[in-house]
N, C-alpha and C. Protein backbone atom coordinates (compact mmCIF):
# COMPACT_ATOMS: atom_id res chain seq x y z
N UNK A 1 -217.89 -125.98 153.17
CA UNK A 1 -218.99 -125.53 152.36
C UNK A 1 -218.49 -124.78 151.12
N UNK A 2 -217.36 -124.12 151.26
CA UNK A 2 -216.83 -123.38 150.13
C UNK A 2 -216.49 -124.31 148.98
N UNK A 3 -215.96 -125.49 149.30
CA UNK A 3 -215.62 -126.45 148.23
C UNK A 3 -216.87 -126.92 147.52
N UNK A 4 -217.96 -127.13 148.24
CA UNK A 4 -219.22 -127.55 147.61
C UNK A 4 -219.75 -126.45 146.70
N UNK A 5 -219.59 -125.21 147.10
CA UNK A 5 -220.06 -124.09 146.27
C UNK A 5 -219.30 -124.01 144.95
N UNK A 6 -218.00 -124.26 145.01
CA UNK A 6 -217.16 -124.20 143.80
C UNK A 6 -217.43 -125.35 142.86
N UNK A 7 -218.02 -126.44 143.35
CA UNK A 7 -218.16 -127.65 142.55
C UNK A 7 -219.60 -127.84 142.10
N UNK A 8 -220.26 -126.79 141.62
CA UNK A 8 -221.66 -126.89 141.21
C UNK A 8 -221.83 -127.80 140.01
N UNK A 9 -220.77 -128.06 139.26
CA UNK A 9 -220.85 -128.97 138.11
C UNK A 9 -220.48 -130.39 138.49
N UNK A 10 -220.22 -130.64 139.76
CA UNK A 10 -219.92 -131.99 140.22
C UNK A 10 -221.20 -132.82 140.17
N UNK A 11 -221.08 -134.11 140.37
CA UNK A 11 -222.27 -134.97 140.35
C UNK A 11 -223.25 -134.56 141.44
N UNK A 12 -222.76 -134.21 142.61
CA UNK A 12 -223.66 -133.77 143.68
C UNK A 12 -224.34 -132.45 143.34
N UNK A 13 -223.59 -131.55 142.73
CA UNK A 13 -224.17 -130.27 142.31
C UNK A 13 -225.26 -130.46 141.27
N UNK A 14 -225.00 -131.33 140.31
CA UNK A 14 -225.98 -131.61 139.26
C UNK A 14 -227.21 -132.29 139.86
N UNK A 15 -227.00 -133.27 140.74
CA UNK A 15 -228.13 -133.96 141.38
C UNK A 15 -228.97 -132.99 142.20
N UNK A 16 -228.32 -132.10 142.94
CA UNK A 16 -229.06 -131.12 143.73
C UNK A 16 -229.89 -130.21 142.85
N UNK A 17 -229.34 -129.79 141.73
CA UNK A 17 -230.09 -128.92 140.82
C UNK A 17 -231.28 -129.68 140.21
N UNK A 18 -231.07 -130.94 139.83
CA UNK A 18 -232.17 -131.75 139.30
C UNK A 18 -233.28 -131.93 140.34
N UNK A 19 -232.89 -132.11 141.59
CA UNK A 19 -233.87 -132.23 142.67
C UNK A 19 -234.62 -130.91 142.85
N UNK A 20 -233.90 -129.81 142.84
CA UNK A 20 -234.52 -128.49 142.98
C UNK A 20 -235.49 -128.22 141.84
N UNK A 21 -235.17 -128.69 140.64
CA UNK A 21 -236.02 -128.50 139.46
C UNK A 21 -237.20 -129.45 139.42
N UNK A 22 -237.28 -130.40 140.37
CA UNK A 22 -238.40 -131.33 140.43
C UNK A 22 -238.23 -132.57 139.57
N UNK A 23 -237.05 -132.77 139.01
CA UNK A 23 -236.81 -133.94 138.17
C UNK A 23 -236.61 -135.18 139.05
N UNK A 24 -236.01 -135.00 140.22
CA UNK A 24 -235.75 -136.09 141.15
C UNK A 24 -236.55 -135.90 142.43
N UNK A 25 -236.93 -137.00 143.06
CA UNK A 25 -237.63 -136.94 144.35
C UNK A 25 -236.65 -136.87 145.51
N UNK A 26 -235.42 -137.32 145.32
CA UNK A 26 -234.44 -137.33 146.39
C UNK A 26 -233.07 -137.62 145.84
N UNK A 27 -232.08 -137.58 146.72
CA UNK A 27 -230.69 -137.82 146.33
C UNK A 27 -230.12 -138.89 147.25
N UNK A 28 -229.42 -139.84 146.67
CA UNK A 28 -228.73 -140.89 147.42
C UNK A 28 -227.26 -140.79 147.10
N UNK A 29 -226.42 -140.94 148.10
CA UNK A 29 -224.98 -140.97 147.86
C UNK A 29 -224.32 -141.90 148.85
N UNK A 30 -223.39 -142.69 148.38
CA UNK A 30 -222.58 -143.53 149.26
C UNK A 30 -221.23 -142.86 149.50
N UNK A 31 -221.13 -141.60 149.11
CA UNK A 31 -219.88 -140.87 149.24
C UNK A 31 -219.80 -140.07 150.53
N UNK A 32 -219.13 -138.96 150.47
CA UNK A 32 -218.86 -138.10 151.62
C UNK A 32 -220.16 -137.44 152.11
N UNK A 33 -220.58 -137.79 153.32
CA UNK A 33 -221.82 -137.26 153.88
C UNK A 33 -221.77 -135.75 154.04
N UNK A 34 -220.64 -135.24 154.49
CA UNK A 34 -220.50 -133.80 154.66
C UNK A 34 -220.66 -133.05 153.35
N UNK A 35 -220.12 -133.59 152.27
CA UNK A 35 -220.25 -132.96 150.96
C UNK A 35 -221.70 -132.97 150.50
N UNK A 36 -222.41 -134.07 150.74
CA UNK A 36 -223.82 -134.15 150.35
C UNK A 36 -224.64 -133.12 151.11
N UNK A 37 -224.45 -133.06 152.42
CA UNK A 37 -225.21 -132.13 153.24
C UNK A 37 -224.89 -130.69 152.86
N UNK A 38 -223.61 -130.37 152.70
CA UNK A 38 -223.21 -129.00 152.34
C UNK A 38 -223.78 -128.60 150.98
N UNK A 39 -223.69 -129.47 150.00
CA UNK A 39 -224.21 -129.17 148.67
C UNK A 39 -225.72 -128.98 148.72
N UNK A 40 -226.42 -129.85 149.43
CA UNK A 40 -227.87 -129.73 149.53
C UNK A 40 -228.28 -128.44 150.23
N UNK A 41 -227.61 -128.10 151.32
CA UNK A 41 -227.95 -126.87 152.04
C UNK A 41 -227.71 -125.64 151.17
N UNK A 42 -226.62 -125.63 150.43
CA UNK A 42 -226.31 -124.48 149.59
C UNK A 42 -227.26 -124.35 148.40
N UNK A 43 -227.63 -125.47 147.81
CA UNK A 43 -228.45 -125.39 146.61
C UNK A 43 -229.95 -125.40 146.89
N UNK A 44 -230.37 -126.12 147.93
CA UNK A 44 -231.79 -126.25 148.22
C UNK A 44 -232.26 -125.36 149.37
N UNK A 45 -231.35 -125.00 150.25
CA UNK A 45 -231.72 -124.21 151.42
C UNK A 45 -232.31 -125.08 152.51
N UNK A 46 -232.83 -124.43 153.54
CA UNK A 46 -233.42 -125.13 154.69
C UNK A 46 -234.93 -124.95 154.68
N UNK A 47 -235.61 -125.93 155.26
CA UNK A 47 -237.03 -125.77 155.54
C UNK A 47 -237.14 -124.85 156.75
N UNK A 48 -238.15 -124.02 156.79
CA UNK A 48 -238.26 -123.00 157.83
C UNK A 48 -238.24 -123.58 159.25
N UNK A 49 -238.91 -124.68 159.46
CA UNK A 49 -239.04 -125.22 160.81
C UNK A 49 -237.99 -126.28 161.16
N UNK A 50 -237.01 -126.50 160.28
CA UNK A 50 -236.00 -127.53 160.52
C UNK A 50 -234.67 -126.86 160.85
N UNK A 51 -234.18 -127.12 162.07
CA UNK A 51 -232.93 -126.50 162.52
C UNK A 51 -231.70 -127.19 161.92
N UNK A 52 -231.75 -128.53 161.83
CA UNK A 52 -230.61 -129.28 161.33
C UNK A 52 -231.10 -130.41 160.43
N UNK A 53 -230.34 -130.72 159.38
CA UNK A 53 -230.75 -131.83 158.51
C UNK A 53 -230.58 -133.18 159.21
N UNK A 54 -231.38 -134.15 158.82
CA UNK A 54 -231.29 -135.49 159.38
C UNK A 54 -230.80 -136.46 158.30
N UNK A 55 -230.11 -137.49 158.72
CA UNK A 55 -229.69 -138.55 157.81
C UNK A 55 -230.73 -139.66 157.86
N UNK A 56 -231.02 -140.25 156.73
CA UNK A 56 -232.01 -141.32 156.66
C UNK A 56 -231.36 -142.62 156.23
N UNK A 57 -231.89 -143.73 156.73
CA UNK A 57 -231.42 -145.05 156.34
C UNK A 57 -232.62 -145.94 156.06
N UNK A 58 -232.54 -146.74 155.03
CA UNK A 58 -233.58 -147.71 154.71
C UNK A 58 -233.27 -149.01 155.44
N UNK A 59 -234.24 -149.51 156.19
CA UNK A 59 -234.07 -150.75 156.92
C UNK A 59 -235.08 -151.76 156.37
N UNK A 60 -234.61 -152.78 155.66
CA UNK A 60 -235.55 -153.76 155.08
C UNK A 60 -236.19 -154.62 156.18
N UNK A 61 -237.41 -155.04 155.91
CA UNK A 61 -238.10 -155.97 156.81
C UNK A 61 -239.02 -156.85 155.96
N UNK A 62 -239.64 -157.86 156.53
CA UNK A 62 -240.48 -158.78 155.74
C UNK A 62 -241.64 -158.09 154.99
N UNK A 63 -242.09 -156.94 155.48
CA UNK A 63 -243.20 -156.23 154.82
C UNK A 63 -242.71 -155.20 153.81
N UNK A 64 -241.42 -155.16 153.55
CA UNK A 64 -240.87 -154.21 152.58
C UNK A 64 -239.74 -153.40 153.15
N UNK A 65 -240.03 -152.62 154.19
CA UNK A 65 -238.97 -151.84 154.79
C UNK A 65 -239.49 -150.56 155.39
N UNK A 66 -238.58 -149.85 156.03
CA UNK A 66 -238.91 -148.58 156.66
C UNK A 66 -237.72 -147.64 156.52
N UNK A 67 -238.01 -146.37 156.53
CA UNK A 67 -236.96 -145.35 156.51
C UNK A 67 -236.84 -144.81 157.93
N UNK A 68 -235.63 -144.84 158.45
CA UNK A 68 -235.35 -144.34 159.79
C UNK A 68 -234.57 -143.04 159.64
N UNK A 69 -235.03 -141.97 160.29
CA UNK A 69 -234.35 -140.69 160.22
C UNK A 69 -233.39 -140.49 161.37
N UNK A 70 -232.42 -139.63 161.15
CA UNK A 70 -231.45 -139.21 162.15
C UNK A 70 -230.57 -140.36 162.60
N UNK A 71 -229.98 -141.06 161.65
CA UNK A 71 -229.13 -142.20 161.94
C UNK A 71 -227.65 -141.83 162.05
N UNK A 72 -227.33 -140.56 161.85
CA UNK A 72 -225.93 -140.14 161.88
C UNK A 72 -225.42 -139.88 163.28
N UNK A 73 -224.12 -139.96 163.43
CA UNK A 73 -223.49 -139.63 164.71
C UNK A 73 -223.51 -138.12 164.88
N UNK A 74 -223.65 -137.68 166.11
CA UNK A 74 -223.71 -136.25 166.37
C UNK A 74 -222.89 -135.95 167.62
N UNK A 75 -221.88 -135.13 167.47
CA UNK A 75 -221.03 -134.77 168.60
C UNK A 75 -221.59 -133.60 169.40
N UNK A 76 -222.61 -132.92 168.86
CA UNK A 76 -223.17 -131.74 169.52
C UNK A 76 -224.62 -132.01 169.92
N UNK A 77 -224.83 -132.93 170.84
CA UNK A 77 -226.18 -133.26 171.31
C UNK A 77 -226.65 -132.22 172.31
N UNK A 78 -227.91 -131.80 172.16
CA UNK A 78 -228.51 -130.84 173.06
C UNK A 78 -229.81 -131.43 173.62
N UNK A 79 -230.16 -131.14 174.86
CA UNK A 79 -231.34 -131.78 175.47
C UNK A 79 -232.64 -131.49 174.75
N UNK A 80 -232.81 -130.32 174.13
CA UNK A 80 -234.08 -130.03 173.46
C UNK A 80 -234.16 -130.74 172.15
């Protein structure tokens, strides 16, 4: 997270700031997932009722497509 904080002028830092300012509706990256999550958490913060961020994936289908949440691998699974 410290590296993400130092790189506020990076493309992810700039995108996060544009999202925070309402210029963008969301951020997409094909790069390092950890860097995206860390930068977003540092610049945007957390929603009050959300304990952990979820990863989303677009799945195309004949009617257009759907967004599926929580598609990332998780080594710390908890029953709740």
